[in-house]
Protein backbone atom coordinates (compact mmCIF):
# COMPACT_ATOMS: atom_id res chain seq x y z
CA MET A 1 -22.20 -19.10 1.41
CA PRO A 2 -25.50 -18.62 2.61
CA SER A 3 -27.24 -21.83 3.54
CA ARG A 4 -30.63 -22.93 1.87
CA GLN A 5 -33.57 -22.53 3.78
CA ARG A 6 -35.63 -25.61 4.84
CA THR A 7 -38.85 -25.25 3.59
CA ARG A 8 -41.85 -27.63 3.58
CA PRO A 9 -43.18 -28.06 0.07
CA ARG A 10 -47.04 -26.43 -0.58
CA PRO A 11 -48.52 -28.71 -3.30
CA PRO A 12 -51.19 -26.30 -5.32
CA ALA A 13 -54.76 -27.35 -5.58
CA GLY A 14 -53.99 -28.28 -9.09
CA LEU A 15 -51.71 -27.87 -12.11
CA ARG A 16 -53.11 -27.55 -15.67
CA GLY A 17 -51.18 -27.51 -18.65
CA HIS A 18 -50.58 -29.58 -21.65
CA GLY A 19 -54.40 -30.83 -21.91
CA LEU A 20 -53.70 -32.33 -18.22
CA LEU A 21 -55.14 -31.54 -14.74
CA LEU A 22 -52.82 -32.61 -11.73
CA ARG A 23 -54.50 -32.66 -8.39
CA PRO A 24 -53.40 -34.24 -5.17
CA TRP A 25 -55.02 -37.78 -4.86
CA ASP A 26 -57.68 -38.24 -2.19
CA PRO A 27 -57.74 -41.37 -0.06
CA ALA A 28 -61.44 -40.63 0.90
CA SER A 29 -62.82 -40.81 -2.88
CA ASP A 30 -63.31 -44.42 -3.97
CA ASP A 31 -62.89 -43.38 -7.40
CA ASP A 32 -59.23 -42.36 -6.34
CA VAL A 33 -58.54 -45.79 -4.41
CA ARG A 34 -59.88 -47.79 -7.59
CA THR A 35 -57.54 -45.83 -9.95
CA TRP A 36 -54.55 -46.46 -7.47
CA LEU A 37 -55.27 -49.97 -7.36
CA ARG A 38 -55.72 -50.40 -10.90
CA GLY A 39 -52.57 -48.38 -11.86
CA THR A 40 -50.39 -50.37 -9.27
CA THR A 41 -51.42 -53.63 -10.05
CA ASP A 42 -50.83 -53.55 -13.92
CA PRO A 43 -48.82 -55.92 -15.37
CA GLU A 44 -46.59 -53.19 -17.15
CA PHE A 45 -46.09 -51.27 -14.09
CA ARG A 46 -45.11 -54.31 -12.12
CA ARG A 47 -42.72 -55.15 -14.64
CA TRP A 48 -40.72 -52.16 -13.94
CA ASN A 49 -41.62 -51.14 -10.38
CA THR A 50 -41.40 -53.10 -7.11
CA PRO A 51 -43.14 -51.29 -4.16
CA LEU A 52 -41.94 -52.23 -0.99
CA ARG A 53 -45.29 -52.66 0.12
CA PRO A 54 -47.88 -53.36 -2.61
CA ALA A 55 -51.29 -52.88 -2.49
CA VAL A 56 -53.47 -55.89 -3.45
CA ASP A 57 -56.77 -54.71 -2.81
CA LEU A 58 -59.28 -51.64 -2.05
CA ASP A 59 -57.86 -51.26 1.56
CA GLY A 60 -54.64 -51.58 0.77
CA ALA A 61 -54.60 -49.00 -1.97
CA ARG A 62 -56.61 -46.49 0.47
CA ASN A 63 -53.80 -47.01 3.09
CA SER A 64 -51.11 -46.15 0.14
CA LEU A 65 -52.95 -42.96 -0.61
CA ARG A 66 -53.14 -42.17 3.40
CA THR A 67 -49.37 -42.86 3.51
CA ARG A 68 -48.88 -40.42 0.81
CA ALA A 69 -51.09 -37.91 2.06
CA ALA A 70 -49.33 -38.13 5.45
CA LEU A 71 -45.86 -37.78 3.83
CA ALA A 72 -47.07 -34.79 1.88
CA ALA A 73 -48.27 -33.22 5.12
CA GLU A 74 -44.70 -33.81 6.19
CA GLY A 75 -43.40 -32.36 2.92
CA SER A 76 -41.20 -35.06 1.83
CA THR A 77 -43.44 -36.00 -1.17
CA VAL A 78 -45.94 -34.54 -3.48
CA SER A 79 -48.45 -36.85 -5.29
CA PHE A 80 -50.71 -35.92 -8.32
CA HIS A 81 -53.39 -37.56 -9.78
CA VAL A 82 -53.18 -37.22 -13.51
CA ALA A 83 -56.37 -36.53 -15.32
CA ASP A 84 -57.52 -35.13 -18.80
CA GLU A 85 -58.29 -31.21 -18.39
CA ALA A 86 -61.40 -31.46 -20.68
CA ASP A 87 -63.33 -34.15 -18.93
CA GLY A 88 -61.50 -35.35 -15.73
CA THR A 89 -61.06 -38.85 -16.77
CA PRO A 90 -58.25 -40.51 -14.80
CA LEU A 91 -54.81 -41.21 -16.71
CA GLY A 92 -52.19 -41.93 -14.03
CA HIS A 93 -49.75 -40.61 -11.23
CA ILE A 94 -46.87 -38.51 -11.36
CA GLY A 95 -45.39 -37.53 -8.12
CA ILE A 96 -41.93 -35.79 -6.25
CA GLU A 97 -40.37 -38.27 -3.65
CA ASP A 98 -37.58 -37.93 -1.26
CA ILE A 99 -37.77 -34.11 -1.31
CA ARG A 100 -34.67 -32.73 0.47
CA PRO A 101 -34.89 -29.32 0.90
CA VAL A 102 -31.72 -28.42 2.16
CA MET A 103 -30.06 -29.75 -1.06
CA GLY A 104 -33.09 -28.51 -3.05
CA ALA A 105 -33.22 -31.82 -4.44
CA GLY A 106 -36.17 -34.33 -5.39
CA ARG A 107 -36.89 -37.57 -7.40
CA VAL A 108 -39.81 -37.66 -9.70
CA GLY A 109 -41.52 -40.89 -10.74
CA TYR A 110 -44.87 -41.71 -12.69
CA TRP A 111 -47.24 -44.33 -14.05
CA VAL A 112 -50.12 -44.27 -16.86
CA LEU A 113 -53.34 -46.29 -17.11
CA PRO A 114 -53.16 -48.86 -19.98
CA GLU A 115 -56.01 -47.32 -21.86
CA ALA A 116 -54.42 -43.93 -21.50
CA ARG A 117 -50.97 -45.13 -23.11
CA GLY A 118 -49.87 -43.82 -26.56
CA ARG A 119 -51.08 -40.10 -26.21
CA GLY A 120 -47.94 -38.60 -24.62
CA VAL A 121 -49.46 -38.54 -21.08
CA ALA A 122 -46.07 -39.13 -19.11
CA THR A 123 -44.37 -36.72 -21.36
CA ARG A 124 -46.92 -33.82 -20.78
CA ALA A 125 -47.25 -34.64 -16.92
CA LEU A 126 -43.51 -34.83 -16.62
CA MET A 127 -43.11 -31.41 -18.41
CA LEU A 128 -45.76 -29.92 -16.21
CA THR A 129 -44.48 -31.31 -12.97
CA ALA A 130 -40.60 -30.60 -13.56
CA HIS A 131 -41.73 -27.02 -14.39
CA TRP A 132 -43.41 -26.52 -11.05
CA ALA A 133 -40.96 -28.31 -9.08
CA LEU A 134 -37.94 -26.27 -10.44
CA THR A 135 -39.80 -22.69 -10.05
CA GLY A 136 -42.96 -22.95 -7.85
CA LEU A 137 -41.39 -25.57 -5.66
CA GLY A 138 -37.84 -24.21 -5.85
CA LEU A 139 -35.72 -27.46 -6.32
CA HIS A 140 -32.51 -27.16 -7.62
CA ARG A 141 -32.24 -30.86 -9.20
CA LEU A 142 -34.84 -33.11 -10.13
CA GLU A 143 -33.76 -36.59 -10.63
CA LEU A 144 -35.38 -39.58 -12.32
CA GLY A 145 -34.47 -43.18 -12.27
CA HIS A 146 -35.90 -46.33 -13.98
CA ALA A 147 -34.85 -49.73 -14.46
CA VAL A 148 -32.24 -50.50 -17.18
CA GLY A 149 -34.17 -51.61 -20.30
CA HIS A 150 -37.11 -49.49 -20.01
CA GLU A 151 -36.36 -47.65 -23.08
CA ALA A 152 -39.76 -45.59 -23.25
CA SER A 153 -38.50 -44.03 -20.02
CA CYS A 154 -35.39 -42.97 -21.47
CA ARG A 155 -37.05 -41.25 -24.29
CA ILE A 156 -39.44 -39.81 -22.20
CA ALA A 157 -36.91 -38.38 -19.56
CA GLU A 158 -34.75 -37.00 -22.39
CA ARG A 159 -37.53 -35.54 -24.41
CA CYS A 160 -38.41 -33.55 -21.11
CA GLY A 161 -34.88 -32.25 -20.30
CA PHE A 162 -33.48 -34.72 -17.92
CA ARG A 163 -29.93 -35.91 -19.17
CA HIS A 164 -28.93 -39.40 -18.82
CA GLU A 165 -26.12 -39.32 -16.04
CA GLY A 166 -25.23 -42.87 -15.85
CA THR A 167 -25.99 -46.15 -14.49
CA MET A 168 -26.54 -47.13 -10.57
CA ARG A 169 -25.54 -50.69 -10.17
CA GLY A 170 -28.33 -52.79 -7.88
CA ALA A 171 -30.50 -49.45 -7.37
CA MET A 172 -33.79 -50.89 -7.68
CA PHE A 173 -35.39 -54.18 -6.53
CA ALA A 174 -35.89 -56.74 -9.27
CA ALA A 175 -39.52 -57.31 -10.50
CA ASP A 176 -41.87 -58.74 -7.69
CA ARG A 177 -38.87 -59.28 -5.47
CA HIS A 178 -37.44 -57.60 -2.63
CA ASP A 179 -34.43 -60.26 -2.27
CA ALA A 180 -32.70 -59.41 -5.68
CA PHE A 181 -31.50 -56.00 -7.46
CA ARG A 182 -31.09 -54.75 -10.89
CA ASP A 183 -29.48 -51.65 -12.26
CA ALA A 184 -31.19 -48.34 -12.76
CA HIS A 185 -30.40 -45.50 -15.20
CA LEU A 186 -30.32 -41.88 -13.55
CA HIS A 187 -31.49 -38.91 -15.30
CA ALA A 188 -31.61 -35.40 -13.77
CA ARG A 189 -32.55 -32.00 -14.68
CA LEU A 190 -31.34 -28.67 -13.17
CA ALA A 191 -33.57 -25.39 -12.71
CA THR A 192 -30.41 -23.97 -14.76
CA ASP A 193 -30.66 -26.17 -17.48
CA PRO A 194 -32.12 -24.73 -20.86
CA PRO A 195 -35.82 -25.59 -20.97
CA PRO A 196 -37.15 -28.69 -23.42
CA ALA A 197 -39.27 -28.11 -26.31
CA PRO A 198 -42.93 -28.16 -25.43
CA PRO A 199 -44.53 -31.43 -26.17
CA ALA A 200 -46.39 -31.39 -29.67
CA GLY A 201 -48.55 -34.21 -29.54
CA PRO A 202 -48.99 -38.01 -28.06
CA THR A 203 -45.39 -38.65 -27.97
CA GLY A 204 -44.78 -41.33 -25.03
CA THR A 205 -45.84 -42.90 -21.88
CA GLY A 206 -44.48 -45.54 -19.27
CA ALA A 207 -43.39 -45.91 -15.59
CA ALA A 208 -40.37 -44.62 -13.98
CA GLY A 209 -38.57 -44.37 -10.65
CA GLY A 210 -40.49 -45.35 -7.33
CA SER A 211 -44.08 -44.64 -8.38
């Protein structure tokens, strides 16, 4: 059986679709830094996600984006700033982490700014990113994990063709703790799965995975 070649992901300058523009985050942009800080310190984000090194100020947020840019250059992560395609208004983040080229696998996570929720941003961003990851990036399997109890993320995952595969025990940090754990649901979509129906409008939002 031929082995899968190691390839370095090459993020496009932008992905457009479903009314969204996805482009790489820019650590040199003060606007991007402020958006990142606001999104990752939002109480709803922190309820479901516990970053290993959370940003608490603008310097920390800029360093987080620099780290992501470095990981992207290494080929292990792709991070997208999500904006409204029409006017460029920031809406949130979506990224693919833990990219394993040999296995053709990666893990997707996202968050949406408070004022953009209820407009189907997460659903539309996940549809767009998953399609690119499983075609342009050439992944075979894209995983999505979220804390048990986050029903919005369950609905978004299933709407976007990510099948529920089970519960991972103690797979995520507990909220605001690095010394306790909680269970997580695992969803996944394969390149060979039937494509989901395109989003029809504002159908969901939330945060998932290790965004």
